[in-house]
Amino acid sequence: MNINYLKTANDHLDIKLQGEMDALGCMNIRPKIETIADAKDNKNITIDMSNVSFIDSSGIGVIVFLYAG
C-alpha cells in the first residue's frame, strides 16, 4: 500500500492511495494516516482510491479514522 498526499489551497488535502487496503497495507501507512488525522489545518480531505485494488474492513477503518480525526 502506498500513500501520497498534496496540500493545496484553502486547507485542502488530496490523498492518493495505491495497492491493497488490507490489514498489512493499512499497517504500513498508519503513521502517515495518524499524522494527517492529527493535523488541525486539514479541514477538507479528498481521497483518490482509483488505484486501490482491494479493500477490507481495515481499509474502511482507515477512512473512518480520517473522517473522525
PDB file of N, CA and C in Angstrom:
ATOM      1  N   MET A   1       0.844  -1.163   0.000  1.00  0.00           N
ATOM      2  CA  MET A   1       0.000   0.000   0.000  1.00  0.00           C
ATOM      3  C   MET A   1       0.894   1.232   0.000  1.00  0.00           C
ATOM      4  N   ASN A   2       0.601   2.148  -0.887  1.00  0.00           N
ATOM      5  CA  ASN A   2       1.323   3.415  -0.966  1.00  0.00           C
ATOM      6  C   ASN A   2       0.361   4.559  -0.726  1.00  0.00           C
ATOM      7  N   ILE A   3       0.860   5.615  -0.126  1.00  0.00           N
ATOM      8  CA  ILE A   3       0.068   6.815   0.099  1.00  0.00           C
ATOM      9  C   ILE A   3       0.911   8.026  -0.285  1.00  0.00           C
ATOM     10  N   ASN A   4       0.307   8.906  -1.045  1.00  0.00           N
ATOM     11  CA  ASN A   4       0.923  10.181  -1.398  1.00  0.00           C
ATOM     12  C   ASN A   4      -0.106  11.259  -1.109  1.00  0.00           C
ATOM     13  N   TYR A   5       0.352  12.404  -0.685  1.00  0.00           N
ATOM     14  CA  TYR A   5      -0.603  13.475  -0.442  1.00  0.00           C
ATOM     15  C   TYR A   5      -0.001  14.822  -0.807  1.00  0.00           C
ATOM     16  N   LEU A   6      -0.907  15.741  -1.138  1.00  0.00           N
ATOM     17  CA  LEU A   6      -0.524  17.068  -1.580  1.00  0.00           C
ATOM     18  C   LEU A   6      -1.460  18.081  -0.941  1.00  0.00           C
ATOM     19  N   LYS A   7      -0.882  19.038  -0.260  1.00  0.00           N
ATOM     20  CA  LYS A   7      -1.670  20.110   0.349  1.00  0.00           C
ATOM     21  C   LYS A   7      -1.876  21.194  -0.698  1.00  0.00           C
ATOM     22  N   THR A   8      -3.127  21.595  -0.869  1.00  0.00           N
ATOM     23  CA  THR A   8      -3.459  22.628  -1.837  1.00  0.00           C
ATOM     24  C   THR A   8      -4.029  23.841  -1.105  1.00  0.00           C
ATOM     25  N   ALA A   9      -4.593  24.739  -1.858  1.00  0.00           N
ATOM     26  CA  ALA A   9      -5.119  25.975  -1.274  1.00  0.00           C
ATOM     27  C   ALA A   9      -6.305  25.711  -0.348  1.00  0.00           C
ATOM     28  N   ASN A  10      -6.545  26.667   0.535  1.00  0.00           N
ATOM     29  CA  ASN A  10      -7.706  26.648   1.433  1.00  0.00           C
ATOM     30  C   ASN A  10      -7.758  25.421   2.339  1.00  0.00           C
ATOM     31  N   ASP A  11      -6.619  25.017   2.867  1.00  0.00           N
ATOM     32  CA  ASP A  11      -6.553  23.885   3.791  1.00  0.00           C
ATOM     33  C   ASP A  11      -7.124  22.599   3.192  1.00  0.00           C
ATOM     34  N   HIS A  12      -6.935  22.393   1.915  1.00  0.00           N
ATOM     35  CA  HIS A  12      -7.414  21.188   1.242  1.00  0.00           C
ATOM     36  C   HIS A  12      -6.244  20.207   1.086  1.00  0.00           C
ATOM     37  N   LEU A  13      -6.522  18.937   1.334  1.00  0.00           N
ATOM     38  CA  LEU A  13      -5.512  17.898   1.231  1.00  0.00           C
ATOM     39  C   LEU A  13      -6.005  16.822   0.276  1.00  0.00           C
ATOM     40  N   ASP A  14      -5.224  16.546  -0.765  1.00  0.00           N
ATOM     41  CA  ASP A  14      -5.522  15.476  -1.712  1.00  0.00           C
ATOM     42  C   ASP A  14      -4.659  14.269  -1.354  1.00  0.00           C
ATOM     43  N   ILE A  15      -5.307  13.142  -1.109  1.00  0.00           N
ATOM     44  CA  ILE A  15      -4.617  11.897  -0.769  1.00  0.00           C
ATOM     45  C   ILE A  15      -4.826  10.907  -1.903  1.00  0.00           C
ATOM     46  N   LYS A  16      -3.738  10.272  -2.350  1.00  0.00           N
ATOM     47  CA  LYS A  16      -3.823   9.227  -3.369  1.00  0.00           C
ATOM     48  C   LYS A  16      -3.345   7.920  -2.746  1.00  0.00           C
ATOM     49  N   LEU A  17      -4.192   6.912  -2.817  1.00  0.00           N
ATOM     50  CA  LEU A  17      -3.863   5.601  -2.292  1.00  0.00           C
ATOM     51  C   LEU A  17      -3.667   4.631  -3.448  1.00  0.00           C
ATOM     52  N   GLN A  18      -2.733   3.704  -3.263  1.00  0.00           N
ATOM     53  CA  GLN A  18      -2.455   2.714  -4.295  1.00  0.00           C
ATOM     54  C   GLN A  18      -2.114   1.391  -3.632  1.00  0.00           C
ATOM     55  N   GLY A  19      -2.711   0.330  -4.124  1.00  0.00           N
ATOM     56  CA  GLY A  19      -2.410  -1.003  -3.605  1.00  0.00           C
ATOM     57  C   GLY A  19      -3.609  -1.631  -2.934  1.00  0.00           C
ATOM     58  N   GLU A  20      -3.351  -2.497  -1.992  1.00  0.00           N
ATOM     59  CA  GLU A  20      -4.400  -3.222  -1.274  1.00  0.00           C
ATOM     60  C   GLU A  20      -4.581  -2.630   0.115  1.00  0.00           C
ATOM     61  N   MET A  21      -5.814  -2.245   0.416  1.00  0.00           N
ATOM     62  CA  MET A  21      -6.127  -1.698   1.743  1.00  0.00           C
ATOM     63  C   MET A  21      -6.604  -2.835   2.641  1.00  0.00           C
ATOM     64  N   ASP A  22      -5.684  -3.731   2.938  1.00  0.00           N
ATOM     65  CA  ASP A  22      -5.965  -4.818   3.864  1.00  0.00           C
ATOM     66  C   ASP A  22      -5.207  -4.528   5.163  1.00  0.00           C
ATOM     67  N   ALA A  23      -5.229  -5.461   6.086  1.00  0.00           N
ATOM     68  CA  ALA A  23      -4.594  -5.237   7.391  1.00  0.00           C
ATOM     69  C   ALA A  23      -3.112  -4.885   7.252  1.00  0.00           C
ATOM     70  N   LEU A  24      -2.391  -5.611   6.429  1.00  0.00           N
ATOM     71  CA  LEU A  24      -0.956  -5.360   6.254  1.00  0.00           C
ATOM     72  C   LEU A  24      -0.712  -4.014   5.574  1.00  0.00           C
ATOM     73  N   GLY A  25      -1.434  -3.737   4.506  1.00  0.00           N
ATOM     74  CA  GLY A  25      -1.257  -2.475   3.796  1.00  0.00           C
ATOM     75  C   GLY A  25      -1.569  -1.279   4.674  1.00  0.00           C
ATOM     76  N   CYS A  26      -2.638  -1.370   5.439  1.00  0.00           N
ATOM     77  CA  CYS A  26      -3.026  -0.262   6.316  1.00  0.00           C
ATOM     78  C   CYS A  26      -2.034  -0.078   7.459  1.00  0.00           C
ATOM     79  N   MET A  27      -1.455  -1.168   7.932  1.00  0.00           N
ATOM     80  CA  MET A  27      -0.443  -1.071   8.979  1.00  0.00           C
ATOM     81  C   MET A  27       0.778  -0.300   8.456  1.00  0.00           C
ATOM     82  N   ASN A  28       1.117  -0.494   7.193  1.00  0.00           N
ATOM     83  CA  ASN A  28       2.273   0.179   6.605  1.00  0.00           C
ATOM     84  C   ASN A  28       2.069   1.686   6.459  1.00  0.00           C
ATOM     85  N   ILE A  29       0.838   2.126   6.227  1.00  0.00           N
ATOM     86  CA  ILE A  29       0.600   3.562   6.049  1.00  0.00           C
ATOM     87  C   ILE A  29       0.069   4.240   7.310  1.00  0.00           C
ATOM     88  N   ARG A  30      -0.108   3.492   8.381  1.00  0.00           N
ATOM     89  CA  ARG A  30      -0.688   4.031   9.608  1.00  0.00           C
ATOM     90  C   ARG A  30       0.023   5.280  10.138  1.00  0.00           C
ATOM     91  N   PRO A  31       1.349   5.344  10.183  1.00  0.00           N
ATOM     92  CA  PRO A  31       1.997   6.563  10.695  1.00  0.00           C
ATOM     93  C   PRO A  31       1.628   7.813   9.890  1.00  0.00           C
ATOM     94  N   LYS A  32       1.565   7.699   8.575  1.00  0.00           N
ATOM     95  CA  LYS A  32       1.181   8.850   7.752  1.00  0.00           C
ATOM     96  C   LYS A  32      -0.279   9.217   7.976  1.00  0.00           C
ATOM     97  N   ILE A  33      -1.143   8.220   8.104  1.00  0.00           N
ATOM     98  CA  ILE A  33      -2.563   8.472   8.344  1.00  0.00           C
ATOM     99  C   ILE A  33      -2.755   9.179   9.682  1.00  0.00           C
ATOM    100  N   GLU A  34      -2.039   8.749  10.704  1.00  0.00           N
ATOM    101  CA  GLU A  34      -2.143   9.398  12.011  1.00  0.00           C
ATOM    102  C   GLU A  34      -1.666  10.842  11.955  1.00  0.00           C
ATOM    103  N   THR A  35      -0.593  11.107  11.219  1.00  0.00           N
ATOM    104  CA  THR A  35      -0.101  12.470  11.056  1.00  0.00           C
ATOM    105  C   THR A  35      -1.148  13.351  10.370  1.00  0.00           C
ATOM    106  N   ILE A  36      -1.759  12.819   9.330  1.00  0.00           N
ATOM    107  CA  ILE A  36      -2.796  13.564   8.611  1.00  0.00           C
ATOM    108  C   ILE A  36      -3.986  13.833   9.522  1.00  0.00           C
ATOM    109  N   ALA A  37      -4.429  12.821  10.245  1.00  0.00           N
ATOM    110  CA  ALA A  37      -5.600  12.966  11.122  1.00  0.00           C
ATOM    111  C   ALA A  37      -5.336  13.936  12.266  1.00  0.00           C
ATOM    112  N   ASP A  38      -4.100  13.982  12.764  1.00  0.00           N
ATOM    113  CA  ASP A  38      -3.768  14.859  13.884  1.00  0.00           C
ATOM    114  C   ASP A  38      -3.595  16.320  13.485  1.00  0.00           C
ATOM    115  N   ALA A  39      -3.356  16.574  12.205  1.00  0.00           N
ATOM    116  CA  ALA A  39      -3.142  17.942  11.743  1.00  0.00           C
ATOM    117  C   ALA A  39      -4.461  18.713  11.800  1.00  0.00           C
ATOM    118  N   LYS A  40      -4.454  19.798  12.522  1.00  0.00           N
ATOM    119  CA  LYS A  40      -5.669  20.587  12.708  1.00  0.00           C
ATOM    120  C   LYS A  40      -6.018  21.427  11.486  1.00  0.00           C
ATOM    121  N   ASP A  41      -5.072  21.652  10.591  1.00  0.00           N
ATOM    122  CA  ASP A  41      -5.322  22.515   9.441  1.00  0.00           C
ATOM    123  C   ASP A  41      -5.856  21.762   8.216  1.00  0.00           C
ATOM    124  N   ASN A  42      -6.070  20.453   8.339  1.00  0.00           N
ATOM    125  CA  ASN A  42      -6.628  19.674   7.230  1.00  0.00           C
ATOM    126  C   ASN A  42      -8.143  19.627   7.372  1.00  0.00           C
ATOM    127  N   LYS A  43      -8.807  20.640   6.857  1.00  0.00           N
ATOM    128  CA  LYS A  43     -10.257  20.716   7.003  1.00  0.00           C
ATOM    129  C   LYS A  43     -10.993  19.958   5.910  1.00  0.00           C
ATOM    130  N   ASN A  44     -10.441  19.952   4.706  1.00  0.00           N
ATOM    131  CA  ASN A  44     -11.064  19.271   3.565  1.00  0.00           C
ATOM    132  C   ASN A  44     -10.084  18.253   3.005  1.00  0.00           C
ATOM    133  N   ILE A  45     -10.509  16.998   2.990  1.00  0.00           N
ATOM    134  CA  ILE A  45      -9.653  15.924   2.501  1.00  0.00           C
ATOM    135  C   ILE A  45     -10.368  15.199   1.370  1.00  0.00           C
ATOM    136  N   THR A  46      -9.669  15.011   0.263  1.00  0.00           N
ATOM    137  CA  THR A  46     -10.161  14.213  -0.854  1.00  0.00           C
ATOM    138  C   THR A  46      -9.281  12.974  -0.955  1.00  0.00           C
ATOM    139  N   ILE A  47      -9.913  11.813  -1.020  1.00  0.00           N
ATOM    140  CA  ILE A  47      -9.171  10.556  -1.112  1.00  0.00           C
ATOM    141  C   ILE A  47      -9.404   9.954  -2.494  1.00  0.00           C
ATOM    142  N   ASP A  48      -8.337   9.799  -3.264  1.00  0.00           N
ATOM    143  CA  ASP A  48      -8.395   9.168  -4.582  1.00  0.00           C
ATOM    144  C   ASP A  48      -8.047   7.690  -4.392  1.00  0.00           C
ATOM    145  N   MET A  49      -9.039   6.839  -4.569  1.00  0.00           N
ATOM    146  CA  MET A  49      -8.848   5.399  -4.399  1.00  0.00           C
ATOM    147  C   MET A  49      -8.917   4.661  -5.727  1.00  0.00           C
ATOM    148  N   SER A  50      -8.710   5.381  -6.828  1.00  0.00           N
ATOM    149  CA  SER A  50      -8.828   4.762  -8.151  1.00  0.00           C
ATOM    150  C   SER A  50      -7.765   3.688  -8.392  1.00  0.00           C
ATOM    151  N   ASN A  51      -6.678   3.712  -7.640  1.00  0.00           N
ATOM    152  CA  ASN A  51      -5.620   2.699  -7.794  1.00  0.00           C
ATOM    153  C   ASN A  51      -5.591   1.708  -6.636  1.00  0.00           C
ATOM    154  N   VAL A  52      -6.684   1.636  -5.883  1.00  0.00           N
ATOM    155  CA  VAL A  52      -6.807   0.637  -4.820  1.00  0.00           C
ATOM    156  C   VAL A  52      -7.440  -0.604  -5.439  1.00  0.00           C
ATOM    157  N   SER A  53      -6.731  -1.717  -5.349  1.00  0.00           N
ATOM    158  CA  SER A  53      -7.195  -2.951  -5.991  1.00  0.00           C
ATOM    159  C   SER A  53      -8.042  -3.824  -5.071  1.00  0.00           C
ATOM    160  N   PHE A  54      -7.983  -3.572  -3.752  1.00  0.00           N
ATOM    161  CA  PHE A  54      -8.721  -4.386  -2.790  1.00  0.00           C
ATOM    162  C   PHE A  54      -8.894  -3.574  -1.520  1.00  0.00           C
ATOM    163  N   ILE A  55     -10.048  -3.709  -0.884  1.00  0.00           N
ATOM    164  CA  ILE A  55     -10.273  -3.052   0.405  1.00  0.00           C
ATOM    165  C   ILE A  55     -11.077  -3.996   1.298  1.00  0.00           C
ATOM    166  N   ASP A  56     -10.652  -4.106   2.560  1.00  0.00           N
ATOM    167  CA  ASP A  56     -11.407  -4.890   3.529  1.00  0.00           C
ATOM    168  C   ASP A  56     -11.754  -3.978   4.713  1.00  0.00           C
ATOM    169  N   SER A  57     -12.166  -4.542   5.802  1.00  0.00           N
ATOM    170  CA  SER A  57     -12.602  -3.741   6.947  1.00  0.00           C
ATOM    171  C   SER A  57     -11.478  -2.861   7.508  1.00  0.00           C
ATOM    172  N   SER A  58     -10.237  -3.275   7.358  1.00  0.00           N
ATOM    173  CA  SER A  58      -9.114  -2.440   7.803  1.00  0.00           C
ATOM    174  C   SER A  58      -9.054  -1.156   6.994  1.00  0.00           C
ATOM    175  N   GLY A  59      -9.281  -1.257   5.702  1.00  0.00           N
ATOM    176  CA  GLY A  59      -9.291  -0.086   4.839  1.00  0.00           C
ATOM    177  C   GLY A  59     -10.441   0.845   5.160  1.00  0.00           C
ATOM    178  N   ILE A  60     -11.613   0.270   5.419  1.00  0.00           N
ATOM    179  CA  ILE A  60     -12.751   1.100   5.814  1.00  0.00           C
ATOM    180  C   ILE A  60     -12.435   1.802   7.130  1.00  0.00           C
ATOM    181  N   GLY A  61     -11.754   1.123   8.031  1.00  0.00           N
ATOM    182  CA  GLY A  61     -11.358   1.721   9.306  1.00  0.00           C
ATOM    183  C   GLY A  61     -10.447   2.926   9.113  1.00  0.00           C
ATOM    184  N   VAL A  62      -9.552   2.872   8.147  1.00  0.00           N
ATOM    185  CA  VAL A  62      -8.669   3.997   7.854  1.00  0.00           C
ATOM    186  C   VAL A  62      -9.485   5.207   7.406  1.00  0.00           C
ATOM    187  N   ILE A  63     -10.452   4.977   6.537  1.00  0.00           N
ATOM    188  CA  ILE A  63     -11.287   6.065   6.047  1.00  0.00           C
ATOM    189  C   ILE A  63     -12.096   6.687   7.194  1.00  0.00           C
ATOM    190  N   VAL A  64     -12.665   5.853   8.029  1.00  0.00           N
ATOM    191  CA  VAL A  64     -13.431   6.355   9.180  1.00  0.00           C
ATOM    192  C   VAL A  64     -12.521   7.109  10.135  1.00  0.00           C
ATOM    193  N   PHE A  65     -11.306   6.625  10.339  1.00  0.00           N
ATOM    194  CA  PHE A  65     -10.339   7.284  11.215  1.00  0.00           C
ATOM    195  C   PHE A  65     -10.036   8.691  10.711  1.00  0.00           C
ATOM    196  N   LEU A  66      -9.858   8.843   9.402  1.00  0.00           N
ATOM    197  CA  LEU A  66      -9.604  10.176   8.822  1.00  0.00           C
ATOM    198  C   LEU A  66     -10.818  11.076   8.990  1.00  0.00           C
ATOM    199  N   TYR A  67     -11.992  10.529   8.806  1.00  0.00           N
ATOM    200  CA  TYR A  67     -13.221  11.310   8.926  1.00  0.00           C
ATOM    201  C   TYR A  67     -13.431  11.768  10.369  1.00  0.00           C
ATOM    202  N   ALA A  68     -13.196  10.871  11.310  1.00  0.00           N
ATOM    203  CA  ALA A  68     -13.433  11.182  12.720  1.00  0.00           C
ATOM    204  C   ALA A  68     -12.314  11.992  13.340  1.00  0.00           C
ATOM    205  N   GLY A  69     -11.113  11.932  12.719  1.00  0.00           N
ATOM    206  CA  GLY A  69      -9.941  12.579  13.274  1.00  0.00           C
ATOM    207  C   GLY A  69     -10.068  14.038  13.292  1.00  0.00           C
TER     208      GLY A  69
END
